């Protein structure tokens, strides 16, 4: 995807269209939810103040551990949800 199209896609992903002008509050809520899902709000809050290098390393280590934990948990759940697998309680 060319850089220009990727920028336009990101802009479109953060755009909320109004059907009527009275729905401004609902549109603002939708925009907040989209920004929260993409991590824009968290990133803006993090960049508001200087983050010391030690704090940054600690934050990145915690994020990495959380990601690995969630990945392992999803793998276990996917294994459990499989339809055709042997029942461990039957011999």
C-alpha atoms as a PDB file:
ATOM      1  CA  UNK A   1       0.000   0.000   0.000  1.00  0.00           C
ATOM      2  CA  UNK A   2       1.515   3.357  -0.982  1.00  0.00           C
ATOM      3  CA  UNK A   3       2.196   5.791   1.872  1.00  0.00           C
ATOM      4  CA  UNK A   4      -0.487   8.187   0.695  1.00  0.00           C
ATOM      5  CA  UNK A   5      -3.204   5.529   0.749  1.00  0.00           C
ATOM      6  CA  UNK A   6      -2.153   4.313   4.186  1.00  0.00           C
ATOM      7  CA  UNK A   7      -2.440   7.874   5.526  1.00  0.00           C
ATOM      8  CA  UNK A   8      -5.879   8.226   3.983  1.00  0.00           C
ATOM      9  CA  UNK A   9      -6.938   4.877   5.425  1.00  0.00           C
ATOM     10  CA  UNK A  10      -5.827   5.934   8.911  1.00  0.00           C
ATOM     11  CA  UNK A  11      -7.721   9.186   8.517  1.00  0.00           C
ATOM     12  CA  UNK A  12     -10.833   7.322   7.396  1.00  0.00           C
ATOM     13  CA  UNK A  13     -10.536   4.908  10.308  1.00  0.00           C
ATOM     14  CA  UNK A  14     -10.616   7.871  12.701  1.00  0.00           C
ATOM     15  CA  UNK A  15     -13.521   9.615  11.001  1.00  0.00           C
ATOM     16  CA  UNK A  16     -17.082   9.526  12.262  1.00  0.00           C
ATOM     17  CA  UNK A  17     -19.848  10.492   9.867  1.00  0.00           C
ATOM     18  CA  UNK A  18     -22.988  12.202  11.167  1.00  0.00           C
ATOM     19  CA  UNK A  19     -26.401  11.403   9.756  1.00  0.00           C
ATOM     20  CA  UNK A  20     -27.951  14.412  11.399  1.00  0.00           C
ATOM     21  CA  UNK A  21     -26.229  17.249  13.282  1.00  0.00           C
ATOM     22  CA  UNK A  22     -28.050  16.427  16.533  1.00  0.00           C
ATOM     23  CA  UNK A  23     -25.942  13.263  17.039  1.00  0.00           C
ATOM     24  CA  UNK A  24     -22.741  15.096  17.930  1.00  0.00           C
ATOM     25  CA  UNK A  25     -22.536  13.519  21.394  1.00  0.00           C
ATOM     26  CA  UNK A  26     -22.918   9.985  20.028  1.00  0.00           C
ATOM     27  CA  UNK A  27     -20.362  10.693  17.307  1.00  0.00           C
ATOM     28  CA  UNK A  28     -17.910  11.999  19.911  1.00  0.00           C
ATOM     29  CA  UNK A  29     -18.367   8.810  21.949  1.00  0.00           C
ATOM     30  CA  UNK A  30     -17.738   6.663  18.871  1.00  0.00           C
ATOM     31  CA  UNK A  31     -14.617   8.653  18.046  1.00  0.00           C
ATOM     32  CA  UNK A  32     -13.351   8.280  21.617  1.00  0.00           C
ATOM     33  CA  UNK A  33     -13.914   4.515  21.459  1.00  0.00           C
ATOM     34  CA  UNK A  34     -12.071   4.196  18.140  1.00  0.00           C
ATOM     35  CA  UNK A  35      -9.145   6.234  19.425  1.00  0.00           C
ATOM     36  CA  UNK A  36      -9.069   4.185  22.620  1.00  0.00           C
ATOM     37  CA  UNK A  37      -9.021   0.884  20.682  1.00  0.00           C
ATOM     38  CA  UNK A  38      -6.120   2.106  18.544  1.00  0.00           C
ATOM     39  CA  UNK A  39      -4.203   3.302  21.599  1.00  0.00           C
ATOM     40  CA  UNK A  40      -4.052   6.925  20.505  1.00  0.00           C
ATOM     41  CA  UNK A  41      -5.251   8.297  23.847  1.00  0.00           C
ATOM     42  CA  UNK A  42      -2.809   6.209  25.864  1.00  0.00           C
ATOM     43  CA  UNK A  43       0.071   7.249  23.605  1.00  0.00           C
ATOM     44  CA  UNK A  44      -0.875  10.929  23.900  1.00  0.00           C
ATOM     45  CA  UNK A  45      -1.005  10.706  27.687  1.00  0.00           C
ATOM     46  CA  UNK A  46       2.338   8.917  27.739  1.00  0.00           C
ATOM     47  CA  UNK A  47       3.977  11.575  25.574  1.00  0.00           C
ATOM     48  CA  UNK A  48       2.582  14.422  27.649  1.00  0.00           C
ATOM     49  CA  UNK A  49       5.465  14.153  30.109  1.00  0.00           C
ATOM     50  CA  UNK A  50       9.026  12.955  29.744  1.00  0.00           C
ATOM     51  CA  UNK A  51       9.427   9.270  30.458  1.00  0.00           C
ATOM     52  CA  UNK A  52      12.696   8.344  32.069  1.00  0.00           C
ATOM     53  CA  UNK A  53      14.646   5.564  30.323  1.00  0.00           C
ATOM     54  CA  UNK A  54      14.338   3.181  33.275  1.00  0.00           C
ATOM     55  CA  UNK A  55      10.563   3.677  33.384  1.00  0.00           C
ATOM     56  CA  UNK A  56      10.375   3.128  29.632  1.00  0.00           C
ATOM     57  CA  UNK A  57      12.318  -0.151  29.854  1.00  0.00           C
ATOM     58  CA  UNK A  58      10.089  -1.312  32.698  1.00  0.00           C
ATOM     59  CA  UNK A  59       6.904  -0.394  30.791  1.00  0.00           C
ATOM     60  CA  UNK A  60       8.102  -2.175  27.647  1.00  0.00           C
ATOM     61  CA  UNK A  61       9.027  -5.292  29.663  1.00  0.00           C
ATOM     62  CA  UNK A  62       5.579  -5.353  31.265  1.00  0.00           C
ATOM     63  CA  UNK A  63       3.890  -4.900  27.886  1.00  0.00           C
ATOM     64  CA  UNK A  64       5.962  -7.743  26.433  1.00  0.00           C
ATOM     65  CA  UNK A  65       5.103 -10.080  29.324  1.00  0.00           C
ATOM     66  CA  UNK A  66       1.418  -9.195  29.041  1.00  0.00           C
ATOM     67  CA  UNK A  67       1.468  -9.872  25.305  1.00  0.00           C
ATOM     68  CA  UNK A  68       3.138 -13.267  25.768  1.00  0.00           C
ATOM     69  CA  UNK A  69       0.711 -14.200  28.552  1.00  0.00           C
ATOM     70  CA  UNK A  70      -2.311 -13.249  26.459  1.00  0.00           C
ATOM     71  CA  UNK A  71      -0.911 -15.109  23.444  1.00  0.00           C
ATOM     72  CA  UNK A  72      -0.469 -18.286  25.494  1.00  0.00           C
ATOM     73  CA  UNK A  73      -3.928 -17.900  26.955  1.00  0.00           C
ATOM     74  CA  UNK A  74      -5.456 -17.540  23.499  1.00  0.00           C
ATOM     75  CA  UNK A  75      -3.607 -20.647  22.307  1.00  0.00           C
ATOM     76  CA  UNK A  76      -4.974 -22.640  25.248  1.00  0.00           C
ATOM     77  CA  UNK A  77      -8.501 -21.388  24.624  1.00  0.00           C
ATOM     78  CA  UNK A  78      -8.252 -22.206  20.933  1.00  0.00           C
ATOM     79  CA  UNK A  79      -7.143 -25.736  21.845  1.00  0.00           C
ATOM     80  CA  UNK A  80     -10.071 -26.145  24.213  1.00  0.00           C
ATOM     81  CA  UNK A  81     -12.560 -24.817  21.657  1.00  0.00           C
ATOM     82  CA  UNK A  82     -11.498 -27.298  18.984  1.00  0.00           C
ATOM     83  CA  UNK A  83     -14.394 -29.563  18.071  1.00  0.00           C
ATOM     84  CA  UNK A  84     -12.555 -32.782  17.274  1.00  0.00           C
ATOM     85  CA  UNK A  85     -10.138 -33.603  20.025  1.00  0.00           C
ATOM     86  CA  UNK A  86      -9.885 -36.662  22.278  1.00  0.00           C
ATOM     87  CA  UNK A  87     -11.695 -36.444  25.605  1.00  0.00           C
ATOM     88  CA  UNK A  88      -9.043 -36.545  28.358  1.00  0.00           C
ATOM     89  CA  UNK A  89     -11.442 -38.138  30.859  1.00  0.00           C
ATOM     90  CA  UNK A  90     -12.240 -41.172  28.735  1.00  0.00           C
ATOM     91  CA  UNK A  91      -9.643 -43.912  28.370  1.00  0.00           C
END
